[in-house]
Structures are given as structure tokens and as C-alpha cells.
PDB file of N, CA and C in Angstrom:
ATOM      1  N   MET A   1       0.843  -1.177   0.000  1.00  0.00           N
ATOM      2  CA  MET A   1       0.000   0.000   0.000  1.00  0.00           C
ATOM      3  C   MET A   1       0.891   1.244   0.000  1.00  0.00           C
ATOM      4  N   LEU A   2       1.301   1.692   1.188  1.00  0.00           N
ATOM      5  CA  LEU A   2       2.072   2.922   1.253  1.00  0.00           C
ATOM      6  C   LEU A   2       3.552   2.673   1.457  1.00  0.00           C
ATOM      7  N   GLY A   3       3.913   1.474   1.779  1.00  0.00           N
ATOM      8  CA  GLY A   3       5.313   1.184   2.039  1.00  0.00           C
ATOM      9  C   GLY A   3       5.563   1.089   3.530  1.00  0.00           C
ATOM     10  N   LEU A   4       6.694   0.583   3.898  1.00  0.00           N
ATOM     11  CA  LEU A   4       7.003   0.395   5.308  1.00  0.00           C
ATOM     12  C   LEU A   4       7.500   1.684   5.930  1.00  0.00           C
ATOM     13  N   GLY A   5       6.876   2.066   7.037  1.00  0.00           N
ATOM     14  CA  GLY A   5       7.312   3.238   7.783  1.00  0.00           C
ATOM     15  C   GLY A   5       7.291   4.509   6.963  1.00  0.00           C
ATOM     16  N   CYS A   6       6.308   4.673   6.150  1.00  0.00           N
ATOM     17  CA  CYS A   6       6.241   5.815   5.237  1.00  0.00           C
ATOM     18  C   CYS A   6       5.569   7.007   5.912  1.00  0.00           C
ATOM     19  N   PRO A   7       6.269   8.143   6.065  1.00  0.00           N
ATOM     20  CA  PRO A   7       5.630   9.319   6.654  1.00  0.00           C
ATOM     21  C   PRO A   7       4.504   9.827   5.763  1.00  0.00           C
ATOM     22  N   LYS A   8       3.520  10.490   6.375  1.00  0.00           N
ATOM     23  CA  LYS A   8       2.380  11.018   5.618  1.00  0.00           C
ATOM     24  C   LYS A   8       2.831  11.858   4.425  1.00  0.00           C
ATOM     25  N   GLN A   9       3.803  12.742   4.639  1.00  0.00           N
ATOM     26  CA  GLN A   9       4.227  13.653   3.592  1.00  0.00           C
ATOM     27  C   GLN A   9       4.829  12.900   2.406  1.00  0.00           C
ATOM     28  N   ALA A  10       5.491  11.787   2.653  1.00  0.00           N
ATOM     29  CA  ALA A  10       6.174  11.053   1.590  1.00  0.00           C
ATOM     30  C   ALA A  10       5.267  10.047   0.902  1.00  0.00           C
ATOM     31  N   SER A  11       4.079   9.810   1.443  1.00  0.00           N
ATOM     32  CA  SER A  11       3.238   8.755   0.898  1.00  0.00           C
ATOM     33  C   SER A  11       2.844   9.001  -0.548  1.00  0.00           C
ATOM     34  N   ALA A  12       2.763  10.250  -0.977  1.00  0.00           N
ATOM     35  CA  ALA A  12       2.391  10.544  -2.359  1.00  0.00           C
ATOM     36  C   ALA A  12       3.522  10.191  -3.328  1.00  0.00           C
ATOM     37  N   LYS A  13       4.744  10.083  -2.836  1.00  0.00           N
ATOM     38  CA  LYS A  13       5.884   9.772  -3.684  1.00  0.00           C
ATOM     39  C   LYS A  13       6.009   8.274  -3.934  1.00  0.00           C
ATOM     40  N   ILE A  14       5.329   7.484  -3.145  1.00  0.00           N
ATOM     41  CA  ILE A  14       5.348   6.032  -3.273  1.00  0.00           C
ATOM     42  C   ILE A  14       4.028   5.627  -3.914  1.00  0.00           C
ATOM     43  N   ALA A  15       3.921   4.385  -4.348  1.00  0.00           N
ATOM     44  CA  ALA A  15       2.690   3.915  -4.998  1.00  0.00           C
ATOM     45  C   ALA A  15       1.505   4.064  -4.053  1.00  0.00           C
ATOM     46  N   THR A  16       0.744   5.125  -4.235  1.00  0.00           N
ATOM     47  CA  THR A  16      -0.408   5.380  -3.389  1.00  0.00           C
ATOM     48  C   THR A  16      -1.550   4.460  -3.787  1.00  0.00           C
ATOM     49  N   PRO A  17      -2.513   4.242  -2.891  1.00  0.00           N
ATOM     50  CA  PRO A  17      -3.619   3.339  -3.207  1.00  0.00           C
ATOM     51  C   PRO A  17      -4.338   3.662  -4.500  1.00  0.00           C
ATOM     52  N   ARG A  18      -4.511   4.920  -4.837  1.00  0.00           N
ATOM     53  CA  ARG A  18      -5.248   5.225  -6.071  1.00  0.00           C
ATOM     54  C   ARG A  18      -4.445   4.879  -7.325  1.00  0.00           C
ATOM     55  N   ILE A  19      -3.130   4.764  -7.226  1.00  0.00           N
ATOM     56  CA  ILE A  19      -2.305   4.377  -8.373  1.00  0.00           C
ATOM     57  C   ILE A  19      -2.362   2.869  -8.578  1.00  0.00           C
ATOM     58  N   ILE A  20      -2.260   2.095  -7.502  1.00  0.00           N
ATOM     59  CA  ILE A  20      -2.230   0.640  -7.627  1.00  0.00           C
ATOM     60  C   ILE A  20      -3.596   0.005  -7.415  1.00  0.00           C
ATOM     61  N   ARG A  21      -4.585   0.805  -7.125  1.00  0.00           N
ATOM     62  CA  ARG A  21      -5.920   0.281  -6.862  1.00  0.00           C
ATOM     63  C   ARG A  21      -6.545  -0.297  -8.132  1.00  0.00           C
ATOM     64  N   HIS A  22      -6.986  -1.519  -8.042  1.00  0.00           N
ATOM     65  CA  HIS A  22      -7.644  -2.177  -9.172  1.00  0.00           C
ATOM     66  C   HIS A  22      -9.079  -1.663  -9.254  1.00  0.00           C
ATOM     67  N   PRO A  23      -9.598  -1.408 -10.466  1.00  0.00           N
ATOM     68  CA  PRO A  23     -10.956  -0.864 -10.587  1.00  0.00           C
ATOM     69  C   PRO A  23     -12.045  -1.798 -10.054  1.00  0.00           C
ATOM     70  N   ASP A  24     -11.753  -3.087  -9.926  1.00  0.00           N
ATOM     71  CA  ASP A  24     -12.741  -4.033  -9.401  1.00  0.00           C
ATOM     72  C   ASP A  24     -12.774  -4.081  -7.876  1.00  0.00           C
ATOM     73  N   MET A  25     -11.891  -3.335  -7.218  1.00  0.00           N
ATOM     74  CA  MET A  25     -11.840  -3.358  -5.754  1.00  0.00           C
ATOM     75  C   MET A  25     -12.915  -2.443  -5.184  1.00  0.00           C
ATOM     76  N   SER A  26     -13.625  -2.941  -4.206  1.00  0.00           N
ATOM     77  CA  SER A  26     -14.744  -2.229  -3.590  1.00  0.00           C
ATOM     78  C   SER A  26     -14.295  -0.978  -2.822  1.00  0.00           C
ATOM     79  N   ASP A  27     -15.053   0.106  -2.994  1.00  0.00           N
ATOM     80  CA  ASP A  27     -14.808   1.329  -2.213  1.00  0.00           C
ATOM     81  C   ASP A  27     -14.973   1.067  -0.723  1.00  0.00           C
ATOM     82  N   LYS A  28     -15.870   0.163  -0.379  1.00  0.00           N
ATOM     83  CA  LYS A  28     -16.169  -0.132   1.020  1.00  0.00           C
ATOM     84  C   LYS A  28     -14.930  -0.635   1.761  1.00  0.00           C
ATOM     85  N   VAL A  29     -14.142  -1.467   1.106  1.00  0.00           N
ATOM     86  CA  VAL A  29     -12.934  -2.013   1.750  1.00  0.00           C
ATOM     87  C   VAL A  29     -11.974  -0.880   2.096  1.00  0.00           C
ATOM     88  N   TYR A  30     -11.743   0.021   1.143  1.00  0.00           N
ATOM     89  CA  TYR A  30     -10.830   1.135   1.399  1.00  0.00           C
ATOM     90  C   TYR A  30     -11.381   2.079   2.469  1.00  0.00           C
ATOM     91  N   SER A  31     -12.687   2.322   2.456  1.00  0.00           N
ATOM     92  CA  SER A  31     -13.295   3.177   3.478  1.00  0.00           C
ATOM     93  C   SER A  31     -13.101   2.587   4.862  1.00  0.00           C
ATOM     94  N   GLU A  32     -13.331   1.280   4.992  1.00  0.00           N
ATOM     95  CA  GLU A  32     -13.153   0.613   6.284  1.00  0.00           C
ATOM     96  C   GLU A  32     -11.702   0.661   6.733  1.00  0.00           C
ATOM     97  N   MET A  33     -10.777   0.445   5.787  1.00  0.00           N
ATOM     98  CA  MET A  33      -9.357   0.478   6.124  1.00  0.00           C
ATOM     99  C   MET A  33      -8.956   1.860   6.630  1.00  0.00           C
ATOM    100  N   TRP A  34      -9.299   2.917   5.868  1.00  0.00           N
ATOM    101  CA  TRP A  34      -8.905   4.261   6.273  1.00  0.00           C
ATOM    102  C   TRP A  34      -9.566   4.682   7.575  1.00  0.00           C
ATOM    103  N   ARG A  35     -10.822   4.299   7.778  1.00  0.00           N
ATOM    104  CA  ARG A  35     -11.503   4.628   9.028  1.00  0.00           C
ATOM    105  C   ARG A  35     -10.754   4.008  10.209  1.00  0.00           C
ATOM    106  N   ALA A  36     -10.356   2.749  10.062  1.00  0.00           N
ATOM    107  CA  ALA A  36      -9.643   2.065  11.143  1.00  0.00           C
ATOM    108  C   ALA A  36      -8.287   2.708  11.432  1.00  0.00           C
ATOM    109  N   ILE A  37      -7.486   2.910  10.390  1.00  0.00           N
ATOM    110  CA  ILE A  37      -6.128   3.399  10.649  1.00  0.00           C
ATOM    111  C   ILE A  37      -6.101   4.872  11.042  1.00  0.00           C
ATOM    112  N   GLU A  38      -7.066   5.650  10.596  1.00  0.00           N
ATOM    113  CA  GLU A  38      -7.102   7.054  11.012  1.00  0.00           C
ATOM    114  C   GLU A  38      -7.564   7.208  12.460  1.00  0.00           C
ATOM    115  N   GLN A  39      -8.165   6.159  13.019  1.00  0.00           N
ATOM    116  CA  GLN A  39      -8.534   6.158  14.432  1.00  0.00           C
ATOM    117  C   GLN A  39      -7.430   5.543  15.296  1.00  0.00           C
ATOM    118  N   GLY A  40      -6.314   5.198  14.660  1.00  0.00           N
ATOM    119  CA  GLY A  40      -5.186   4.633  15.394  1.00  0.00           C
ATOM    120  C   GLY A  40      -5.258   3.128  15.554  1.00  0.00           C
ATOM    121  N   ASN A  41      -6.213   2.476  14.896  1.00  0.00           N
ATOM    122  CA  ASN A  41      -6.336   1.020  14.954  1.00  0.00           C
ATOM    123  C   ASN A  41      -5.598   0.382  13.788  1.00  0.00           C
ATOM    124  N   SER A  42      -5.303  -0.907  13.915  1.00  0.00           N
ATOM    125  CA  SER A  42      -4.709  -1.621  12.794  1.00  0.00           C
ATOM    126  C   SER A  42      -5.827  -2.212  11.945  1.00  0.00           C
ATOM    127  N   TRP A  43      -5.505  -2.538  10.696  1.00  0.00           N
ATOM    128  CA  TRP A  43      -6.473  -3.120   9.774  1.00  0.00           C
ATOM    129  C   TRP A  43      -5.792  -4.253   9.027  1.00  0.00           C
ATOM    130  N   CYS A  44      -6.513  -5.346   8.853  1.00  0.00           N
ATOM    131  CA  CYS A  44      -6.000  -6.485   8.106  1.00  0.00           C
ATOM    132  C   CYS A  44      -7.078  -6.927   7.134  1.00  0.00           C
ATOM    133  N   GLY A  45      -6.689  -7.178   5.891  1.00  0.00           N
ATOM    134  CA  GLY A  45      -7.647  -7.638   4.904  1.00  0.00           C
ATOM    135  C   GLY A  45      -6.991  -7.970   3.582  1.00  0.00           C
ATOM    136  N   GLU A  46      -7.820  -8.421   2.646  1.00  0.00           N
ATOM    137  CA  GLU A  46      -7.349  -8.779   1.313  1.00  0.00           C
ATOM    138  C   GLU A  46      -7.686  -7.650   0.344  1.00  0.00           C
ATOM    139  N   ILE A  47      -6.698  -7.277  -0.481  1.00  0.00           N
ATOM    140  CA  ILE A  47      -6.860  -6.165  -1.411  1.00  0.00           C
ATOM    141  C   ILE A  47      -6.431  -6.612  -2.803  1.00  0.00           C
ATOM    142  N   LEU A  48      -7.245  -6.267  -3.791  1.00  0.00           N
ATOM    143  CA  LEU A  48      -6.894  -6.497  -5.185  1.00  0.00           C
ATOM    144  C   LEU A  48      -6.198  -5.251  -5.701  1.00  0.00           C
ATOM    145  N   ASN A  49      -4.928  -5.381  -6.077  1.00  0.00           N
ATOM    146  CA  ASN A  49      -4.138  -4.270  -6.603  1.00  0.00           C
ATOM    147  C   ASN A  49      -3.959  -4.413  -8.111  1.00  0.00           C
ATOM    148  N   ARG A  50      -3.485  -3.352  -8.725  1.00  0.00           N
ATOM    149  CA  ARG A  50      -3.228  -3.359 -10.166  1.00  0.00           C
ATOM    150  C   ARG A  50      -1.724  -3.258 -10.399  1.00  0.00           C
ATOM    151  N   ALA A  51      -1.209  -4.187 -11.213  1.00  0.00           N
ATOM    152  CA  ALA A  51       0.211  -4.176 -11.576  1.00  0.00           C
ATOM    153  C   ALA A  51       0.458  -3.136 -12.668  1.00  0.00           C
ATOM    154  N   LYS A  52       1.718  -2.857 -12.951  1.00  0.00           N
ATOM    155  CA  LYS A  52       2.072  -1.876 -13.983  1.00  0.00           C
ATOM    156  C   LYS A  52       1.478  -2.227 -15.340  1.00  0.00           C
ATOM    157  N   ASP A  53       1.359  -3.539 -15.623  1.00  0.00           N
ATOM    158  CA  ASP A  53       0.815  -3.957 -16.916  1.00  0.00           C
ATOM    159  C   ASP A  53      -0.714  -3.972 -16.934  1.00  0.00           C
ATOM    160  N   GLY A  54      -1.334  -3.566 -15.822  1.00  0.00           N
ATOM    161  CA  GLY A  54      -2.791  -3.495 -15.742  1.00  0.00           C
ATOM    162  C   GLY A  54      -3.452  -4.740 -15.189  1.00  0.00           C
ATOM    163  N   SER A  55      -2.700  -5.817 -15.040  1.00  0.00           N
ATOM    164  CA  SER A  55      -3.276  -7.044 -14.491  1.00  0.00           C
ATOM    165  C   SER A  55      -3.495  -6.888 -12.986  1.00  0.00           C
ATOM    166  N   GLY A  56      -4.296  -7.771 -12.433  1.00  0.00           N
ATOM    167  CA  GLY A  56      -4.580  -7.702 -11.005  1.00  0.00           C
ATOM    168  C   GLY A  56      -3.758  -8.697 -10.213  1.00  0.00           C
ATOM    169  N   TYR A  57      -3.468  -8.352  -8.984  1.00  0.00           N
ATOM    170  CA  TYR A  57      -2.831  -9.278  -8.059  1.00  0.00           C
ATOM    171  C   TYR A  57      -3.380  -9.019  -6.665  1.00  0.00           C
ATOM    172  N   TRP A  58      -3.537 -10.092  -5.908  1.00  0.00           N
ATOM    173  CA  TRP A  58      -4.107 -10.018  -4.563  1.00  0.00           C
ATOM    174  C   TRP A  58      -3.014  -9.963  -3.516  1.00  0.00           C
ATOM    175  N   VAL A  59      -3.240  -9.151  -2.481  1.00  0.00           N
ATOM    176  CA  VAL A  59      -2.346  -9.122  -1.329  1.00  0.00           C
ATOM    177  C   VAL A  59      -3.170  -9.198  -0.048  1.00  0.00           C
ATOM    178  N   GLU A  60      -2.577  -9.829   0.950  1.00  0.00           N
ATOM    179  CA  GLU A  60      -3.124  -9.718   2.300  1.00  0.00           C
ATOM    180  C   GLU A  60      -2.323  -8.607   2.948  1.00  0.00           C
ATOM    181  N   ALA A  61      -3.008  -7.586   3.416  1.00  0.00           N
ATOM    182  CA  ALA A  61      -2.331  -6.407   3.951  1.00  0.00           C
ATOM    183  C   ALA A  61      -2.642  -6.221   5.430  1.00  0.00           C
ATOM    184  N   ASN A  62      -1.614  -5.854   6.174  1.00  0.00           N
ATOM    185  CA  ASN A  62      -1.742  -5.425   7.560  1.00  0.00           C
ATOM    186  C   ASN A  62      -1.267  -3.979   7.583  1.00  0.00           C
ATOM    187  N   VAL A  63      -2.158  -3.072   7.961  1.00  0.00           N
ATOM    188  CA  VAL A  63      -1.847  -1.640   7.923  1.00  0.00           C
ATOM    189  C   VAL A  63      -2.131  -1.040   9.293  1.00  0.00           C
ATOM    190  N   GLU A  64      -1.241  -0.167   9.725  1.00  0.00           N
ATOM    191  CA  GLU A  64      -1.491   0.548  10.978  1.00  0.00           C
ATOM    192  C   GLU A  64      -0.856   1.926  10.925  1.00  0.00           C
ATOM    193  N   ALA A  65      -1.379   2.782  11.743  1.00  0.00           N
ATOM    194  CA  ALA A  65      -0.865   4.145  11.832  1.00  0.00           C
ATOM    195  C   ALA A  65       0.375   4.167  12.711  1.00  0.00           C
ATOM    196  N   ASP A  66       1.320   5.013  12.356  1.00  0.00           N
ATOM    197  CA  ASP A  66       2.496   5.269  13.182  1.00  0.00           C
ATOM    198  C   ASP A  66       2.197   6.519  13.995  1.00  0.00           C
ATOM    199  N   LEU A  67       2.354   6.422  15.303  1.00  0.00           N
ATOM    200  CA  LEU A  67       2.017   7.528  16.193  1.00  0.00           C
ATOM    201  C   LEU A  67       3.274   8.127  16.814  1.00  0.00           C
ATOM    202  N   ASN A  68       3.242   9.436  17.056  1.00  0.00           N
ATOM    203  CA  ASN A  68       4.346  10.067  17.775  1.00  0.00           C
ATOM    204  C   ASN A  68       4.085   9.966  19.282  1.00  0.00           C
ATOM    205  N   GLU A  69       4.931  10.595  20.063  1.00  0.00           N
ATOM    206  CA  GLU A  69       4.803  10.511  21.523  1.00  0.00           C
ATOM    207  C   GLU A  69       3.533  11.180  22.052  1.00  0.00           C
ATOM    208  N   HIS A  70       2.878  11.992  21.233  1.00  0.00           N
ATOM    209  CA  HIS A  70       1.636  12.662  21.630  1.00  0.00           C
ATOM    210  C   HIS A  70       0.395  11.914  21.140  1.00  0.00           C
ATOM    211  N   GLY A  71       0.602  10.775  20.490  1.00  0.00           N
ATOM    212  CA  GLY A  71      -0.515   9.995  19.978  1.00  0.00           C
ATOM    213  C   GLY A  71      -1.058  10.485  18.647  1.00  0.00           C
ATOM    214  N   GLU A  72      -0.303  11.371  17.989  1.00  0.00           N
ATOM    215  CA  GLU A  72      -0.724  11.900  16.685  1.00  0.00           C
ATOM    216  C   GLU A  72      -0.178  11.013  15.569  1.00  0.00           C
ATOM    217  N   ILE A  73      -0.969  10.843  14.525  1.00  0.00           N
ATOM    218  CA  ILE A  73      -0.542  10.021  13.400  1.00  0.00           C
ATOM    219  C   ILE A  73       0.519  10.770  12.600  1.00  0.00           C
ATOM    220  N   ILE A  74       1.666  10.106  12.414  1.00  0.00           N
ATOM    221  CA  ILE A  74       2.755  10.714  11.657  1.00  0.00           C
ATOM    222  C   ILE A  74       3.069   9.941  10.378  1.00  0.00           C
ATOM    223  N   GLY A  75       2.415   8.829  10.186  1.00  0.00           N
ATOM    224  CA  GLY A  75       2.644   8.014   8.996  1.00  0.00           C
ATOM    225  C   GLY A  75       1.886   6.708   9.104  1.00  0.00           C
ATOM    226  N   TYR A  76       2.165   5.823   8.183  1.00  0.00           N
ATOM    227  CA  TYR A  76       1.494   4.525   8.151  1.00  0.00           C
ATOM    228  C   TYR A  76       2.500   3.439   7.816  1.00  0.00           C
ATOM    229  N   THR A  77       2.279   2.259   8.365  1.00  0.00           N
ATOM    230  CA  THR A  77       3.102   1.101   8.047  1.00  0.00           C
ATOM    231  C   THR A  77       2.192   0.032   7.467  1.00  0.00           C
ATOM    232  N   ALA A  78       2.613  -0.529   6.333  1.00  0.00           N
ATOM    233  CA  ALA A  78       1.851  -1.592   5.690  1.00  0.00           C
ATOM    234  C   ALA A  78       2.774  -2.757   5.405  1.00  0.00           C
ATOM    235  N   ILE A  79       2.323  -3.939   5.753  1.00  0.00           N
ATOM    236  CA  ILE A  79       3.032  -5.166   5.421  1.00  0.00           C
ATOM    237  C   ILE A  79       2.091  -5.975   4.552  1.00  0.00           C
ATOM    238  N   GLN A  80       2.585  -6.378   3.385  1.00  0.00           N
ATOM    239  CA  GLN A  80       1.739  -7.094   2.441  1.00  0.00           C
ATOM    240  C   GLN A  80       2.373  -8.414   2.043  1.00  0.00           C
ATOM    241  N   GLN A  81       1.511  -9.387   1.771  1.00  0.00           N
ATOM    242  CA  GLN A  81       1.956 -10.674   1.261  1.00  0.00           C
ATOM    243  C   GLN A  81       1.116 -10.986   0.034  1.00  0.00           C
ATOM    244  N   ASN A  82       1.770 -11.319  -1.060  1.00  0.00           N
ATOM    245  CA  ASN A  82       1.064 -11.650  -2.288  1.00  0.00           C
ATOM    246  C   ASN A  82       0.342 -12.982  -2.099  1.00  0.00           C
ATOM    247  N   ILE A  83      -0.982 -12.969  -2.280  1.00  0.00           N
ATOM    248  CA  ILE A  83      -1.791 -14.180  -2.115  1.00  0.00           C
ATOM    249  C   ILE A  83      -2.539 -14.514  -3.411  1.00  0.00           C
ATOM    250  N   THR A  84      -2.015 -14.060  -4.540  1.00  0.00           N
ATOM    251  CA  THR A  84      -2.671 -14.297  -5.824  1.00  0.00           C
ATOM    252  C   THR A  84      -2.856 -15.783  -6.088  1.00  0.00           C
ATOM    253  N   ASP A  85      -1.830 -16.590  -5.835  1.00  0.00           N
ATOM    254  CA  ASP A  85      -1.942 -18.035  -6.058  1.00  0.00           C
ATOM    255  C   ASP A  85      -3.034 -18.643  -5.182  1.00  0.00           C
ATOM    256  N   LYS A  86      -3.092 -18.218  -3.940  1.00  0.00           N
ATOM    257  CA  LYS A  86      -4.124 -18.716  -3.015  1.00  0.00           C
ATOM    258  C   LYS A  86      -5.520 -18.395  -3.549  1.00  0.00           C
ATOM    259  N   LYS A  87      -5.710 -17.159  -4.023  1.00  0.00           N
ATOM    260  CA  LYS A  87      -7.013 -16.749  -4.543  1.00  0.00           C
ATOM    261  C   LYS A  87      -7.374 -17.538  -5.806  1.00  0.00           C
ATOM    262  N   GLN A  88      -6.396 -17.838  -6.656  1.00  0.00           N
ATOM    263  CA  GLN A  88      -6.657 -18.625  -7.862  1.00  0.00           C
ATOM    264  C   GLN A  88      -7.064 -20.050  -7.502  1.00  0.00           C
ATOM    265  N   ILE A  89      -6.430 -20.622  -6.499  1.00  0.00           N
ATOM    266  CA  ILE A  89      -6.798 -21.969  -6.054  1.00  0.00           C
ATOM    267  C   ILE A  89      -8.209 -21.966  -5.475  1.00  0.00           C
ATOM    268  N   GLU A  90      -8.544 -20.942  -4.701  1.00  0.00           N
ATOM    269  CA  GLU A  90      -9.904 -20.829  -4.157  1.00  0.00           C
ATOM    270  C   GLU A  90     -10.927 -20.767  -5.290  1.00  0.00           C
ATOM    271  N   GLU A  91     -10.621 -19.991  -6.320  1.00  0.00           N
ATOM    272  CA  GLU A  91     -11.521 -19.852  -7.461  1.00  0.00           C
ATOM    273  C   GLU A  91     -11.676 -21.188  -8.187  1.00  0.00           C
ATOM    274  N   LEU A  92     -10.573 -21.886  -8.402  1.00  0.00           N
ATOM    275  CA  LEU A  92     -10.633 -23.184  -9.083  1.00  0.00           C
ATOM    276  C   LEU A  92     -11.420 -24.211  -8.289  1.00  0.00           C
ATOM    277  N   SER A  93     -11.281 -24.166  -6.972  1.00  0.00           N
ATOM    278  CA  SER A  93     -11.959 -25.161  -6.147  1.00  0.00           C
ATOM    279  C   SER A  93     -13.444 -24.868  -5.980  1.00  0.00           C
ATOM    280  N   SER A  94     -13.872 -23.662  -6.334  1.00  0.00           N
ATOM    281  CA  SER A  94     -15.286 -23.326  -6.160  1.00  0.00           C
ATOM    282  C   SER A  94     -16.039 -23.207  -7.483  1.00  0.00           C
ATOM    283  N   THR A  95     -15.358 -23.445  -8.602  1.00  0.00           N
ATOM    284  CA  THR A  95     -16.042 -23.375  -9.893  1.00  0.00           C
ATOM    285  C   THR A  95     -15.897 -24.693 -10.651  1.00  0.00           C
ATOM    286  N   ASP A  96     -16.897 -25.003 -11.455  1.00  0.00           N
ATOM    287  CA  ASP A  96     -16.870 -26.188 -12.288  1.00  0.00           C
ATOM    288  C   ASP A  96     -15.907 -25.946 -13.447  1.00  0.00           C
ATOM    289  N   TYR A  97     -15.005 -26.892 -13.674  1.00  0.00           N
ATOM    290  CA  TYR A  97     -13.978 -26.741 -14.701  1.00  0.00           C
ATOM    291  C   TYR A  97     -14.570 -26.563 -16.096  1.00  0.00           C
ATOM    292  N   LEU A  98     -15.622 -27.316 -16.422  1.00  0.00           N
ATOM    293  CA  LEU A  98     -16.186 -27.275 -17.769  1.00  0.00           C
ATOM    294  C   LEU A  98     -17.105 -26.080 -18.009  1.00  0.00           C
ATOM    295  N   THR A  99     -17.956 -25.766 -17.034  1.00  0.00           N
ATOM    296  CA  THR A  99     -18.969 -24.736 -17.242  1.00  0.00           C
ATOM    297  C   THR A  99     -18.563 -23.359 -16.711  1.00  0.00           C
ATOM    298  N   GLY A 100     -17.601 -23.320 -15.756  1.00  0.00           N
ATOM    299  CA  GLY A 100     -17.225 -22.062 -15.140  1.00  0.00           C
ATOM    300  C   GLY A 100     -18.222 -21.589 -14.102  1.00  0.00           C
ATOM    301  N   LEU A 101     -19.262 -22.399 -13.839  1.00  0.00           N
ATOM    302  CA  LEU A 101     -20.282 -22.046 -12.836  1.00  0.00           C
ATOM    303  C   LEU A 101     -19.792 -22.408 -11.455  1.00  0.00           C
ATOM    304  N   TYR A 102     -20.253 -21.658 -10.464  1.00  0.00           N
ATOM    305  CA  TYR A 102     -19.857 -21.935  -9.094  1.00  0.00           C
ATOM    306  C   TYR A 102     -20.498 -23.226  -8.604  1.00  0.00           C
ATOM    307  N   ASN A 103     -19.706 -24.035  -7.912  1.00  0.00           N
ATOM    308  CA  ASN A 103     -20.207 -25.261  -7.289  1.00  0.00           C
ATOM    309  C   ASN A 103     -20.896 -24.905  -5.987  1.00  0.00           C
ATOM    310  N   ARG A 104     -21.818 -25.746  -5.595  1.00  0.00           N
ATOM    311  CA  ARG A 104     -22.443 -25.566  -4.283  1.00  0.00           C
ATOM    312  C   ARG A 104     -21.476 -26.026  -3.217  1.00  0.00           C
ATOM    313  N   LYS A 105     -21.404 -25.278  -2.159  1.00  0.00           N
ATOM    314  CA  LYS A 105     -20.551 -25.660  -1.018  1.00  0.00           C
ATOM    315  C   LYS A 105     -21.271 -26.733  -0.232  1.00  0.00           C
ATOM    316  N   LYS A 106     -20.489 -27.689   0.269  1.00  0.00           N
ATOM    317  CA  LYS A 106     -21.076 -28.778   1.061  1.00  0.00           C
ATOM    318  C   LYS A 106     -21.130 -28.421   2.510  1.00  0.00           C
TER     319      LYS A 106
END
């Protein structure tokens, strides 16, 4: 998302969410994330990002605000793990190979 230990002022110089945000990603997810971290809470979830070539890739992200000694937000820290393969396996296991229709869960 914003990079590790990225100060607020420098966040625009790094790949900001609107640059790497995939158009299929829900606004609700980003709203929930920003609401949590702007209140000083951590947020964890799955995000669909856009690669330079326009393709999508999934990450599991842990994001939290960095606070100074006065409890003021001075930046954000994000740790991400690429889970694209995991998401593809989930998709394959829940869809019929021939028809592409979703299987019923047991």
C-alpha cells in the first residue's frame, strides 16, 4: 500500500492506493481500512491491486498508523503478502472446470 514506515508527507511519492488500486476493488474495503487506521487502529484484509501492466494481483495487507509521543498520526506502516496463487486456487476449487459455474458448497 504505502510502504514500510512511510511518513504522511512522503506517501504521495510512493505507490499510493489510487495508483495501484484495481478498478474491481470495492470502495467499502478502502473506506473501512482508512476509518480504522485514522482512528489509530490496525487493519488487516485482502486487497486487489493493479500491476504496472494493468493485471490484477491479490495481497493480504496489515496496515497501521504510526504515532508520535503525543498519539498523533505521523505516517502509516503496511506489510503485504502476495496471495494471488491462493485466490486462484480458491476460485478453481469453487467453480466447475467445464462450465465455469460456481459449485455448491457442502
